[in-house]
């Protein structure tokens, strides 16, 4: 099992869209500050693209806006041959 935990800020307001079969979907980017900083340089961030579907997409679009902090957890099961 692989677990990914991301905490960062939304780079833009998420927008709710619907597929041809009316399934809600949104895509957004989360800016994650790097834990380390080289002396004398600016703070750096990684930009993680995210796609959310169905109830999760609706929840994110309803309650989150640009600049708000967001925490995400993704769990993936390895595929079996």
C-alpha atoms as a PDB file:
ATOM      1  CA  UNK A   1       0.000   0.000   0.000  1.00  0.00           C
ATOM      2  CA  UNK A   2       1.262   3.478  -0.913  1.00  0.00           C
ATOM      3  CA  UNK A   3       0.170   6.545   1.038  1.00  0.00           C
ATOM      4  CA  UNK A   4       0.721  10.126  -0.132  1.00  0.00           C
ATOM      5  CA  UNK A   5       0.100  13.060   2.230  1.00  0.00           C
ATOM      6  CA  UNK A   6       0.169  16.608   0.840  1.00  0.00           C
ATOM      7  CA  UNK A   7      -0.395  19.878   2.691  1.00  0.00           C
ATOM      8  CA  UNK A   8      -0.295  23.156   0.842  1.00  0.00           C
ATOM      9  CA  UNK A   9      -2.294  26.064  -0.511  1.00  0.00           C
ATOM     10  CA  UNK A  10      -4.612  26.259  -3.503  1.00  0.00           C
ATOM     11  CA  UNK A  11      -3.112  28.285  -6.351  1.00  0.00           C
ATOM     12  CA  UNK A  12      -6.537  29.230  -7.792  1.00  0.00           C
ATOM     13  CA  UNK A  13     -10.232  28.865  -7.034  1.00  0.00           C
ATOM     14  CA  UNK A  14     -11.374  25.344  -7.955  1.00  0.00           C
ATOM     15  CA  UNK A  15     -14.101  25.171 -10.618  1.00  0.00           C
ATOM     16  CA  UNK A  16     -16.681  22.401 -10.734  1.00  0.00           C
ATOM     17  CA  UNK A  17     -17.242  20.757 -14.115  1.00  0.00           C
ATOM     18  CA  UNK A  18     -19.310  17.766 -15.194  1.00  0.00           C
ATOM     19  CA  UNK A  19     -18.447  14.960 -17.580  1.00  0.00           C
ATOM     20  CA  UNK A  20     -20.770  13.984 -20.443  1.00  0.00           C
ATOM     21  CA  UNK A  21     -22.454  11.526 -18.059  1.00  0.00           C
ATOM     22  CA  UNK A  22     -22.925  14.306 -15.436  1.00  0.00           C
ATOM     23  CA  UNK A  23     -20.204  13.131 -13.023  1.00  0.00           C
ATOM     24  CA  UNK A  24     -18.795  16.111 -11.043  1.00  0.00           C
ATOM     25  CA  UNK A  25     -15.048  16.709 -11.415  1.00  0.00           C
ATOM     26  CA  UNK A  26     -12.581  19.455 -10.529  1.00  0.00           C
ATOM     27  CA  UNK A  27      -8.868  19.880 -11.096  1.00  0.00           C
ATOM     28  CA  UNK A  28      -6.613  22.238  -9.173  1.00  0.00           C
ATOM     29  CA  UNK A  29      -3.007  22.786  -8.159  1.00  0.00           C
ATOM     30  CA  UNK A  30      -1.634  22.716  -4.600  1.00  0.00           C
ATOM     31  CA  UNK A  31       1.535  24.708  -3.816  1.00  0.00           C
ATOM     32  CA  UNK A  32       3.651  22.873  -1.224  1.00  0.00           C
ATOM     33  CA  UNK A  33       6.529  24.735   0.460  1.00  0.00           C
ATOM     34  CA  UNK A  34       9.779  22.812   0.537  1.00  0.00           C
ATOM     35  CA  UNK A  35      10.988  21.920   4.025  1.00  0.00           C
ATOM     36  CA  UNK A  36      14.513  23.119   3.350  1.00  0.00           C
ATOM     37  CA  UNK A  37      15.880  26.433   2.111  1.00  0.00           C
ATOM     38  CA  UNK A  38      19.346  27.220   0.842  1.00  0.00           C
ATOM     39  CA  UNK A  39      21.031  30.054   2.681  1.00  0.00           C
ATOM     40  CA  UNK A  40      20.436  33.387   0.952  1.00  0.00           C
ATOM     41  CA  UNK A  41      17.837  32.080  -1.502  1.00  0.00           C
ATOM     42  CA  UNK A  42      14.092  32.531  -1.754  1.00  0.00           C
ATOM     43  CA  UNK A  43      11.664  29.957  -0.404  1.00  0.00           C
ATOM     44  CA  UNK A  44      10.824  27.328  -3.022  1.00  0.00           C
ATOM     45  CA  UNK A  45       7.605  25.407  -3.585  1.00  0.00           C
ATOM     46  CA  UNK A  46       6.461  22.377  -5.533  1.00  0.00           C
ATOM     47  CA  UNK A  47       3.195  22.560  -7.491  1.00  0.00           C
ATOM     48  CA  UNK A  48       1.152  19.357  -7.341  1.00  0.00           C
ATOM     49  CA  UNK A  49      -1.715  18.866  -9.852  1.00  0.00           C
ATOM     50  CA  UNK A  50      -4.797  17.182  -8.347  1.00  0.00           C
ATOM     51  CA  UNK A  51      -8.079  15.846  -9.780  1.00  0.00           C
ATOM     52  CA  UNK A  52     -11.087  15.189  -7.534  1.00  0.00           C
ATOM     53  CA  UNK A  53     -14.289  13.384  -8.508  1.00  0.00           C
ATOM     54  CA  UNK A  54     -17.927  13.173  -7.377  1.00  0.00           C
ATOM     55  CA  UNK A  55     -18.670  14.226  -3.761  1.00  0.00           C
ATOM     56  CA  UNK A  56     -15.052  15.197  -3.111  1.00  0.00           C
ATOM     57  CA  UNK A  57     -15.073  17.575  -6.102  1.00  0.00           C
ATOM     58  CA  UNK A  58     -18.316  19.182  -4.929  1.00  0.00           C
ATOM     59  CA  UNK A  59     -16.992  19.556  -1.356  1.00  0.00           C
ATOM     60  CA  UNK A  60     -13.746  21.197  -2.484  1.00  0.00           C
ATOM     61  CA  UNK A  61     -15.514  23.634  -4.796  1.00  0.00           C
ATOM     62  CA  UNK A  62     -18.040  24.567  -2.123  1.00  0.00           C
ATOM     63  CA  UNK A  63     -15.642  25.169   0.798  1.00  0.00           C
ATOM     64  CA  UNK A  64     -12.183  26.075  -0.567  1.00  0.00           C
ATOM     65  CA  UNK A  65     -10.807  29.176  -2.333  1.00  0.00           C
ATOM     66  CA  UNK A  66      -7.452  30.367  -3.647  1.00  0.00           C
ATOM     67  CA  UNK A  67      -4.775  30.631  -0.941  1.00  0.00           C
ATOM     68  CA  UNK A  68      -6.544  28.421   1.594  1.00  0.00           C
ATOM     69  CA  UNK A  69      -4.581  25.616   3.185  1.00  0.00           C
ATOM     70  CA  UNK A  70      -5.599  22.126   2.146  1.00  0.00           C
ATOM     71  CA  UNK A  71      -4.528  18.677   3.316  1.00  0.00           C
ATOM     72  CA  UNK A  72      -4.864  15.651   1.021  1.00  0.00           C
ATOM     73  CA  UNK A  73      -4.327  11.932   1.595  1.00  0.00           C
ATOM     74  CA  UNK A  74      -4.223   9.401  -1.216  1.00  0.00           C
ATOM     75  CA  UNK A  75      -4.007   5.657  -0.647  1.00  0.00           C
ATOM     76  CA  UNK A  76      -3.300   3.360  -3.566  1.00  0.00           C
ATOM     77  CA  UNK A  77      -3.267  -0.402  -3.560  1.00  0.00           C
ATOM     78  CA  UNK A  78      -0.687  -2.136  -5.738  1.00  0.00           C
ATOM     79  CA  UNK A  79      -2.196  -3.976  -8.685  1.00  0.00           C
ATOM     80  CA  UNK A  80      -1.897  -7.720  -8.722  1.00  0.00           C
ATOM     81  CA  UNK A  81      -0.686  -9.560 -11.830  1.00  0.00           C
END
